[in-house]
Amino acid sequence: MRILALDTSTEFCSVALWQDGVVIERCELAGQKHSEMLIAMLDALLKDAGFRIKEIDGIAFGKGPGSFTGVRIACGATQGLALGAEIPVVGVCTLEALAEASGQPRVIAVLDARMGEVYHAAYQKHDDVWTTLSEPCLCKPEAAPSVSGVDWFGVGSGFAAHGAALQARYLGQLQGVDGTAVPQAAAIAALGAAQFALGRGVDAAEALPLYLRDKVALKTSERMQR
């Protein structure tokens, strides 16, 4: 099975190809140039691997949460590629991708959502399968959902932007933190491959985003209230 994966939910643009458990990946700092870079990166990846898009069995994409524009780019590119190649798709939560890439069994994944808020979820891995213990949500870092027990590992830009508040929230429960981690296509490919193996691929039209935040901009009066 060959799975193509992509993520544009942060300032990085990453693509990956998963083939029977072996992954090759490209990742570049894109800033706000994801739409200019993504297709070229995918094309180069496939050429290096010696495949055409029609030889791919499915596409996994980072569905969010993350940058509003970035998530839309990932969804749009996935729909276009999958429709043209007539292959199924799978959306992967970027927070679960953070957990997968961490190499840790108990993970609090937190992305900076701006406006003093974070995207948050908590996961635990058992027999190579992730269980969601706290569903993805948008919250203030000081009001992040509680978790039970110790030996949790914190990952994501939320810990870089709101480290003091999150460390206080999970006082005595964190055994380590990586605030530099970002969702990347290699982890999305692995998680997507597992979903495809279970027959959970869907039509390209169902490549839908996970936003969590309904409003991506505030009026001046609303910003002053915050």
Foldseek 3Di string as FASTA:
>chain_A
DKEKEWFQQEQKTKIWIADPRDIDMDIDRRRPNCLVCHVVRVVVRCVVVVHDLLVHQEYEYAQDDGDPVRNVSRLVVRLVSCVVSVHFYHYDHFQVLQVQVVPDQWEWEWEDLPPQKIWTWIWGDDPNDIDTPGDTAIGHLLPPDDDDAAAYEYEELCCVVPVVSNCVNCPRRHPYYYNVDGRHGVSRRVVGVVCVVVVNTDHSVPSHHDHNDPDSDDDPVVSVVD
